[in-house]
Amino acid sequence: TTENKLGNRFYPHAAIETDSILNIDDDLFMLTGDELEFGYQVWREFPERLVGYPGRVHTWDKRTKLWKYEPEWTNEVSMVLSGAAFHHKYYSHAYTYMMPAAVRQWVDDHMNCEDIAINFLVSSYSRQPPI
């Protein structure tokens, strides 16, 4: 598409022939070739899951009765950032055509939270957490 939308990173381009798609931010420089190869091999074992770096966690805050997103590194993982993540190309189709329009619109309007949206989408289909 020609519009500058954050959701474009999940657009299911017809030219993509592989089952695996690696989304990677243009400013990401901390991953080595070995780390990328490892991530791809893990994805090959679990193609229904999102596999990426780094991990994040979301928790239910009983006091505020709201979900809380922890942007700091922890030992727990419930989502991965989409700036360096492998996913099956089916999820690009699902994000673009099956994700509720209000979610896609919020992501595009705010240019933020696409990682949260894709994590919830993939986990809702796979019934599995990311790796």
N, C-alpha and C. Protein backbone atom coordinates (compact mmCIF):
# COMPACT_ATOMS: atom_id res chain seq x y z
N THR A 1 0.84 -1.18 0.00
CA THR A 1 0.00 0.00 0.00
C THR A 1 0.88 1.24 0.00
N THR A 2 0.34 2.35 -0.39
CA THR A 2 1.14 3.58 -0.49
C THR A 2 1.04 4.45 0.76
N GLU A 3 0.08 4.19 1.63
CA GLU A 3 -0.06 4.99 2.84
C GLU A 3 0.96 4.56 3.89
N ASN A 4 1.42 5.52 4.68
CA ASN A 4 2.37 5.23 5.75
C ASN A 4 1.59 4.80 6.99
N LYS A 5 1.37 3.50 7.11
CA LYS A 5 0.64 2.94 8.24
C LYS A 5 1.50 1.89 8.91
N LEU A 6 1.47 1.86 10.23
CA LEU A 6 2.25 0.88 10.96
C LEU A 6 1.80 -0.54 10.64
N GLY A 7 0.49 -0.71 10.41
CA GLY A 7 -0.03 -2.03 10.07
C GLY A 7 0.46 -2.57 8.74
N ASN A 8 1.07 -1.73 7.91
CA ASN A 8 1.59 -2.21 6.63
C ASN A 8 2.67 -3.28 6.79
N ARG A 9 3.30 -3.29 7.95
CA ARG A 9 4.34 -4.31 8.16
C ARG A 9 3.75 -5.72 8.12
N PHE A 10 2.43 -5.84 8.28
CA PHE A 10 1.77 -7.15 8.23
C PHE A 10 0.96 -7.35 6.95
N TYR A 11 1.09 -6.45 5.99
CA TYR A 11 0.33 -6.60 4.75
C TYR A 11 0.76 -7.87 4.01
N PRO A 12 -0.18 -8.70 3.57
CA PRO A 12 0.17 -9.97 2.92
C PRO A 12 0.50 -9.79 1.42
N HIS A 13 1.66 -9.28 1.16
CA HIS A 13 2.09 -9.05 -0.22
C HIS A 13 2.11 -10.36 -1.01
N ALA A 14 1.57 -10.33 -2.20
CA ALA A 14 1.51 -11.52 -3.06
C ALA A 14 2.90 -12.04 -3.41
N ALA A 15 3.89 -11.18 -3.42
CA ALA A 15 5.25 -11.59 -3.77
C ALA A 15 5.91 -12.47 -2.71
N ILE A 16 5.34 -12.52 -1.51
CA ILE A 16 5.91 -13.35 -0.44
C ILE A 16 5.50 -14.79 -0.68
N GLU A 17 6.48 -15.61 -1.01
CA GLU A 17 6.22 -17.02 -1.34
C GLU A 17 6.53 -17.96 -0.19
N THR A 18 7.31 -17.50 0.77
CA THR A 18 7.69 -18.37 1.89
C THR A 18 6.59 -18.38 2.94
N ASP A 19 6.56 -19.44 3.75
CA ASP A 19 5.62 -19.50 4.86
C ASP A 19 6.04 -18.61 6.01
N SER A 20 7.34 -18.44 6.19
CA SER A 20 7.87 -17.65 7.29
C SER A 20 8.12 -16.22 6.84
N ILE A 21 7.71 -15.28 7.69
CA ILE A 21 8.00 -13.87 7.46
C ILE A 21 8.76 -13.37 8.68
N LEU A 22 9.86 -12.68 8.42
CA LEU A 22 10.62 -12.03 9.49
C LEU A 22 10.32 -10.54 9.41
N ASN A 23 9.67 -10.02 10.43
CA ASN A 23 9.50 -8.58 10.57
C ASN A 23 10.69 -8.08 11.36
N ILE A 24 11.36 -7.09 10.80
CA ILE A 24 12.52 -6.56 11.51
C ILE A 24 12.56 -5.05 11.30
N ASP A 25 12.74 -4.32 12.38
CA ASP A 25 12.82 -2.87 12.33
C ASP A 25 14.11 -2.45 11.63
N ASP A 26 14.05 -1.33 10.92
CA ASP A 26 15.22 -0.86 10.21
C ASP A 26 16.29 -0.31 11.14
N ASP A 27 15.95 -0.02 12.37
CA ASP A 27 16.94 0.50 13.31
C ASP A 27 17.44 -0.56 14.29
N LEU A 28 17.11 -1.81 14.02
CA LEU A 28 17.54 -2.88 14.92
C LEU A 28 18.93 -3.35 14.51
N PHE A 29 19.85 -3.32 15.42
CA PHE A 29 21.23 -3.69 15.10
C PHE A 29 21.84 -4.65 16.11
N MET A 30 21.07 -5.08 17.08
CA MET A 30 21.65 -5.87 18.17
C MET A 30 21.61 -7.37 17.94
N LEU A 31 20.95 -7.87 16.89
CA LEU A 31 20.88 -9.32 16.67
C LEU A 31 21.98 -9.77 15.72
N THR A 32 22.59 -10.88 16.07
CA THR A 32 23.62 -11.46 15.21
C THR A 32 22.97 -12.42 14.22
N GLY A 33 23.73 -12.81 13.23
CA GLY A 33 23.24 -13.80 12.28
C GLY A 33 22.89 -15.11 12.96
N ASP A 34 23.69 -15.50 13.95
CA ASP A 34 23.41 -16.73 14.70
C ASP A 34 22.09 -16.63 15.45
N GLU A 35 21.81 -15.46 16.02
CA GLU A 35 20.55 -15.28 16.75
C GLU A 35 19.35 -15.34 15.80
N LEU A 36 19.48 -14.74 14.63
CA LEU A 36 18.41 -14.81 13.65
C LEU A 36 18.19 -16.24 13.16
N GLU A 37 19.28 -16.95 12.91
CA GLU A 37 19.18 -18.35 12.48
C GLU A 37 18.51 -19.19 13.57
N PHE A 38 18.88 -18.96 14.83
CA PHE A 38 18.25 -19.68 15.93
C PHE A 38 16.76 -19.40 15.98
N GLY A 39 16.38 -18.14 15.86
CA GLY A 39 14.97 -17.78 15.86
C GLY A 39 14.21 -18.46 14.73
N TYR A 40 14.81 -18.50 13.56
CA TYR A 40 14.17 -19.16 12.42
C TYR A 40 14.00 -20.66 12.68
N GLN A 41 15.01 -21.29 13.23
CA GLN A 41 14.92 -22.73 13.51
C GLN A 41 13.84 -23.01 14.57
N VAL A 42 13.74 -22.15 15.56
CA VAL A 42 12.67 -22.29 16.56
C VAL A 42 11.32 -22.13 15.87
N TRP A 43 11.19 -21.13 15.00
CA TRP A 43 9.92 -20.92 14.28
C TRP A 43 9.58 -22.16 13.44
N ARG A 44 10.56 -22.77 12.81
CA ARG A 44 10.29 -23.97 12.00
C ARG A 44 9.70 -25.09 12.85
N GLU A 45 10.10 -25.16 14.11
CA GLU A 45 9.55 -26.17 15.02
C GLU A 45 8.15 -25.80 15.50
N PHE A 46 7.85 -24.51 15.54
CA PHE A 46 6.57 -24.01 16.06
C PHE A 46 6.00 -22.94 15.12
N PRO A 47 5.65 -23.31 13.88
CA PRO A 47 5.22 -22.31 12.89
C PRO A 47 3.88 -21.64 13.20
N GLU A 48 3.14 -22.19 14.12
CA GLU A 48 1.86 -21.58 14.49
C GLU A 48 2.04 -20.46 15.52
N ARG A 49 3.27 -20.29 16.01
CA ARG A 49 3.52 -19.31 17.07
C ARG A 49 4.35 -18.14 16.57
N LEU A 50 4.28 -17.06 17.31
CA LEU A 50 5.12 -15.90 17.06
C LEU A 50 6.44 -16.14 17.78
N VAL A 51 7.54 -15.98 17.07
CA VAL A 51 8.87 -16.20 17.65
C VAL A 51 9.67 -14.92 17.46
N GLY A 52 10.12 -14.33 18.56
CA GLY A 52 10.84 -13.08 18.40
C GLY A 52 11.62 -12.64 19.60
N TYR A 53 12.19 -11.44 19.47
CA TYR A 53 13.02 -10.84 20.49
C TYR A 53 12.66 -9.36 20.57
N PRO A 54 12.76 -8.74 21.65
CA PRO A 54 12.82 -9.30 22.99
C PRO A 54 11.42 -9.59 23.52
N GLY A 55 11.38 -10.31 24.61
CA GLY A 55 10.12 -10.64 25.24
C GLY A 55 9.62 -9.53 26.15
N ARG A 56 8.32 -9.51 26.33
CA ARG A 56 7.67 -8.57 27.25
C ARG A 56 6.60 -9.34 28.02
N VAL A 57 6.00 -8.70 29.01
CA VAL A 57 4.96 -9.35 29.79
C VAL A 57 3.79 -8.38 30.00
N HIS A 58 2.59 -8.95 29.99
CA HIS A 58 1.42 -8.17 30.38
C HIS A 58 0.77 -8.89 31.55
N THR A 59 0.25 -8.11 32.48
CA THR A 59 -0.35 -8.68 33.69
C THR A 59 -1.64 -7.95 34.02
N TRP A 60 -2.47 -8.62 34.79
CA TRP A 60 -3.71 -8.01 35.25
C TRP A 60 -3.44 -7.34 36.59
N ASP A 61 -3.74 -6.06 36.66
CA ASP A 61 -3.55 -5.31 37.89
C ASP A 61 -4.86 -5.37 38.68
N LYS A 62 -4.85 -6.12 39.78
CA LYS A 62 -6.06 -6.30 40.58
C LYS A 62 -6.55 -5.00 41.21
N ARG A 63 -5.63 -4.11 41.52
CA ARG A 63 -6.00 -2.85 42.15
C ARG A 63 -6.75 -1.94 41.17
N THR A 64 -6.21 -1.77 39.97
CA THR A 64 -6.84 -0.87 38.99
C THR A 64 -7.85 -1.58 38.10
N LYS A 65 -7.80 -2.93 38.12
CA LYS A 65 -8.66 -3.74 37.25
C LYS A 65 -8.45 -3.42 35.78
N LEU A 66 -7.15 -3.26 35.44
CA LEU A 66 -6.75 -2.99 34.06
C LEU A 66 -5.54 -3.86 33.71
N TRP A 67 -5.37 -4.12 32.41
CA TRP A 67 -4.18 -4.81 31.96
C TRP A 67 -3.00 -3.86 32.04
N LYS A 68 -1.87 -4.40 32.38
CA LYS A 68 -0.65 -3.61 32.53
C LYS A 68 0.42 -4.22 31.63
N TYR A 69 1.09 -3.39 30.87
CA TYR A 69 2.16 -3.81 29.96
C TYR A 69 3.49 -3.42 30.58
N GLU A 70 4.40 -4.37 30.70
CA GLU A 70 5.70 -4.11 31.30
C GLU A 70 6.74 -3.97 30.19
N PRO A 71 7.21 -2.76 29.92
CA PRO A 71 8.18 -2.58 28.85
C PRO A 71 9.60 -2.98 29.21
N GLU A 72 9.86 -3.24 30.48
CA GLU A 72 11.20 -3.62 30.91
C GLU A 72 11.42 -5.13 30.72
N TRP A 73 12.68 -5.52 30.60
CA TRP A 73 13.03 -6.93 30.50
C TRP A 73 12.70 -7.63 31.82
N THR A 74 12.06 -8.78 31.73
CA THR A 74 11.78 -9.59 32.92
C THR A 74 12.07 -11.04 32.57
N ASN A 75 11.96 -11.91 33.55
CA ASN A 75 12.15 -13.34 33.30
C ASN A 75 10.88 -14.00 32.77
N GLU A 76 9.78 -13.27 32.75
CA GLU A 76 8.52 -13.79 32.23
C GLU A 76 8.26 -13.21 30.85
N VAL A 77 7.60 -14.00 30.00
CA VAL A 77 7.28 -13.54 28.66
C VAL A 77 5.84 -13.92 28.33
N SER A 78 5.05 -12.94 27.93
CA SER A 78 3.71 -13.23 27.44
C SER A 78 3.49 -12.63 26.05
N MET A 79 4.47 -11.85 25.59
CA MET A 79 4.44 -11.33 24.23
C MET A 79 5.86 -11.00 23.80
N VAL A 80 6.05 -10.90 22.49
CA VAL A 80 7.35 -10.49 21.94
C VAL A 80 7.13 -9.25 21.09
N LEU A 81 8.14 -8.43 21.01
CA LEU A 81 8.05 -7.25 20.18
C LEU A 81 8.08 -7.65 18.71
N SER A 82 7.37 -6.92 17.88
CA SER A 82 7.30 -7.28 16.47
C SER A 82 8.45 -6.71 15.66
N GLY A 83 9.36 -5.98 16.30
CA GLY A 83 10.50 -5.41 15.61
C GLY A 83 11.54 -6.42 15.19
N ALA A 84 11.45 -7.63 15.69
CA ALA A 84 12.33 -8.74 15.30
C ALA A 84 11.59 -10.03 15.62
N ALA A 85 10.66 -10.39 14.75
CA ALA A 85 9.82 -11.56 15.03
C ALA A 85 9.46 -12.31 13.76
N PHE A 86 9.46 -13.63 13.87
CA PHE A 86 9.03 -14.51 12.79
C PHE A 86 7.56 -14.86 13.00
N HIS A 87 6.81 -14.88 11.91
CA HIS A 87 5.43 -15.36 11.98
C HIS A 87 5.05 -16.03 10.66
N HIS A 88 4.05 -16.88 10.71
CA HIS A 88 3.56 -17.54 9.50
C HIS A 88 2.84 -16.51 8.65
N LYS A 89 2.97 -16.61 7.34
CA LYS A 89 2.36 -15.61 6.46
C LYS A 89 0.84 -15.57 6.60
N TYR A 90 0.23 -16.63 7.09
CA TYR A 90 -1.22 -16.62 7.31
C TYR A 90 -1.61 -15.49 8.26
N TYR A 91 -0.75 -15.21 9.25
CA TYR A 91 -1.08 -14.17 10.22
C TYR A 91 -1.06 -12.78 9.60
N SER A 92 -0.30 -12.59 8.53
CA SER A 92 -0.36 -11.31 7.82
C SER A 92 -1.74 -11.14 7.19
N HIS A 93 -2.24 -12.23 6.61
CA HIS A 93 -3.59 -12.20 6.05
C HIS A 93 -4.62 -11.93 7.16
N ALA A 94 -4.49 -12.64 8.27
CA ALA A 94 -5.44 -12.48 9.37
C ALA A 94 -5.39 -11.06 9.94
N TYR A 95 -4.20 -10.49 10.08
CA TYR A 95 -4.08 -9.13 10.61
C TYR A 95 -4.78 -8.14 9.67
N THR A 96 -4.54 -8.28 8.39
CA THR A 96 -5.04 -7.32 7.41
C THR A 96 -6.54 -7.46 7.15
N TYR A 97 -7.04 -8.70 7.12
CA TYR A 97 -8.42 -8.92 6.69
C TYR A 97 -9.37 -9.42 7.77
N MET A 98 -8.84 -9.91 8.90
CA MET A 98 -9.71 -10.50 9.90
C MET A 98 -9.63 -9.81 11.27
N MET A 99 -8.54 -9.12 11.52
CA MET A 99 -8.41 -8.36 12.76
C MET A 99 -9.52 -7.31 12.79
N PRO A 100 -10.16 -7.09 13.92
CA PRO A 100 -11.18 -6.03 13.97
C PRO A 100 -10.63 -4.70 13.45
N ALA A 101 -11.40 -4.06 12.60
CA ALA A 101 -10.96 -2.81 11.97
C ALA A 101 -10.61 -1.76 13.02
N ALA A 102 -11.32 -1.74 14.13
CA ALA A 102 -11.05 -0.74 15.17
C ALA A 102 -9.64 -0.92 15.75
N VAL A 103 -9.18 -2.14 15.86
CA VAL A 103 -7.83 -2.40 16.37
C VAL A 103 -6.80 -1.90 15.36
N ARG A 104 -6.96 -2.29 14.10
CA ARG A 104 -6.03 -1.83 13.07
C ARG A 104 -6.01 -0.30 12.98
N GLN A 105 -7.17 0.30 13.05
CA GLN A 105 -7.26 1.75 12.95
C GLN A 105 -6.55 2.43 14.12
N TRP A 106 -6.72 1.90 15.34
CA TRP A 106 -6.06 2.47 16.51
C TRP A 106 -4.54 2.40 16.33
N VAL A 107 -4.04 1.23 15.91
CA VAL A 107 -2.60 1.06 15.69
C VAL A 107 -2.11 2.07 14.66
N ASP A 108 -2.82 2.20 13.56
CA ASP A 108 -2.39 3.13 12.50
C ASP A 108 -2.50 4.59 12.93
N ASP A 109 -3.54 4.94 13.65
CA ASP A 109 -3.72 6.32 14.11
C ASP A 109 -2.65 6.73 15.11
N HIS A 110 -2.25 5.79 15.98
CA HIS A 110 -1.30 6.11 17.04
C HIS A 110 0.13 5.70 16.69
N MET A 111 0.30 5.01 15.58
CA MET A 111 1.63 4.51 15.17
C MET A 111 2.32 3.81 16.34
N ASN A 112 1.55 2.93 17.01
CA ASN A 112 2.04 2.26 18.20
C ASN A 112 1.19 1.01 18.46
N CYS A 113 1.74 0.09 19.23
CA CYS A 113 1.04 -1.08 19.76
C CYS A 113 0.76 -2.17 18.73
N GLU A 114 1.40 -2.13 17.58
CA GLU A 114 1.23 -3.23 16.62
C GLU A 114 1.75 -4.53 17.19
N ASP A 115 2.75 -4.45 18.07
CA ASP A 115 3.28 -5.66 18.68
C ASP A 115 2.24 -6.30 19.59
N ILE A 116 1.51 -5.50 20.34
CA ILE A 116 0.46 -6.03 21.20
C ILE A 116 -0.64 -6.65 20.35
N ALA A 117 -1.03 -5.95 19.28
CA ALA A 117 -2.10 -6.45 18.40
C ALA A 117 -1.73 -7.78 17.76
N ILE A 118 -0.52 -7.90 17.21
CA ILE A 118 -0.15 -9.15 16.54
C ILE A 118 0.02 -10.28 17.55
N ASN A 119 0.51 -9.99 18.75
CA ASN A 119 0.62 -11.03 19.78
C ASN A 119 -0.74 -11.59 20.15
N PHE A 120 -1.71 -10.71 20.37
CA PHE A 120 -3.04 -11.18 20.73
C PHE A 120 -3.69 -11.93 19.57
N LEU A 121 -3.47 -11.47 18.35
CA LEU A 121 -4.03 -12.16 17.18
C LEU A 121 -3.46 -13.57 17.06
N VAL A 122 -2.14 -13.69 17.07
CA VAL A 122 -1.51 -15.00 16.91
C VAL A 122 -1.88 -15.93 18.06
N SER A 123 -1.85 -15.42 19.28
CA SER A 123 -2.20 -16.27 20.43
C SER A 123 -3.67 -16.68 20.40
N SER A 124 -4.53 -15.83 19.89
CA SER A 124 -5.95 -16.21 19.82
C SER A 124 -6.18 -17.31 18.79
N TYR A 125 -5.41 -17.30 17.73
CA TYR A 125 -5.54 -18.37 16.73
C TYR A 125 -4.85 -19.65 17.18
N SER A 126 -3.64 -19.52 17.71
CA SER A 126 -2.83 -20.69 18.04
C SER A 126 -3.15 -21.27 19.41
N ARG A 127 -3.73 -20.45 20.29
CA ARG A 127 -3.96 -20.82 21.70
C ARG A 127 -2.63 -21.15 22.39
N GLN A 128 -1.57 -20.48 21.93
CA GLN A 128 -0.22 -20.68 22.47
C GLN A 128 0.43 -19.32 22.70
N PRO A 129 1.30 -19.23 23.70
CA PRO A 129 2.03 -17.98 23.88
C PRO A 129 3.14 -17.86 22.84
N PRO A 130 3.70 -16.68 22.70
CA PRO A 130 4.85 -16.53 21.80
C PRO A 130 6.09 -17.16 22.41
N ILE A 131 7.09 -17.28 21.59
CA ILE A 131 8.39 -17.82 22.04
C ILE A 131 9.43 -16.74 21.78
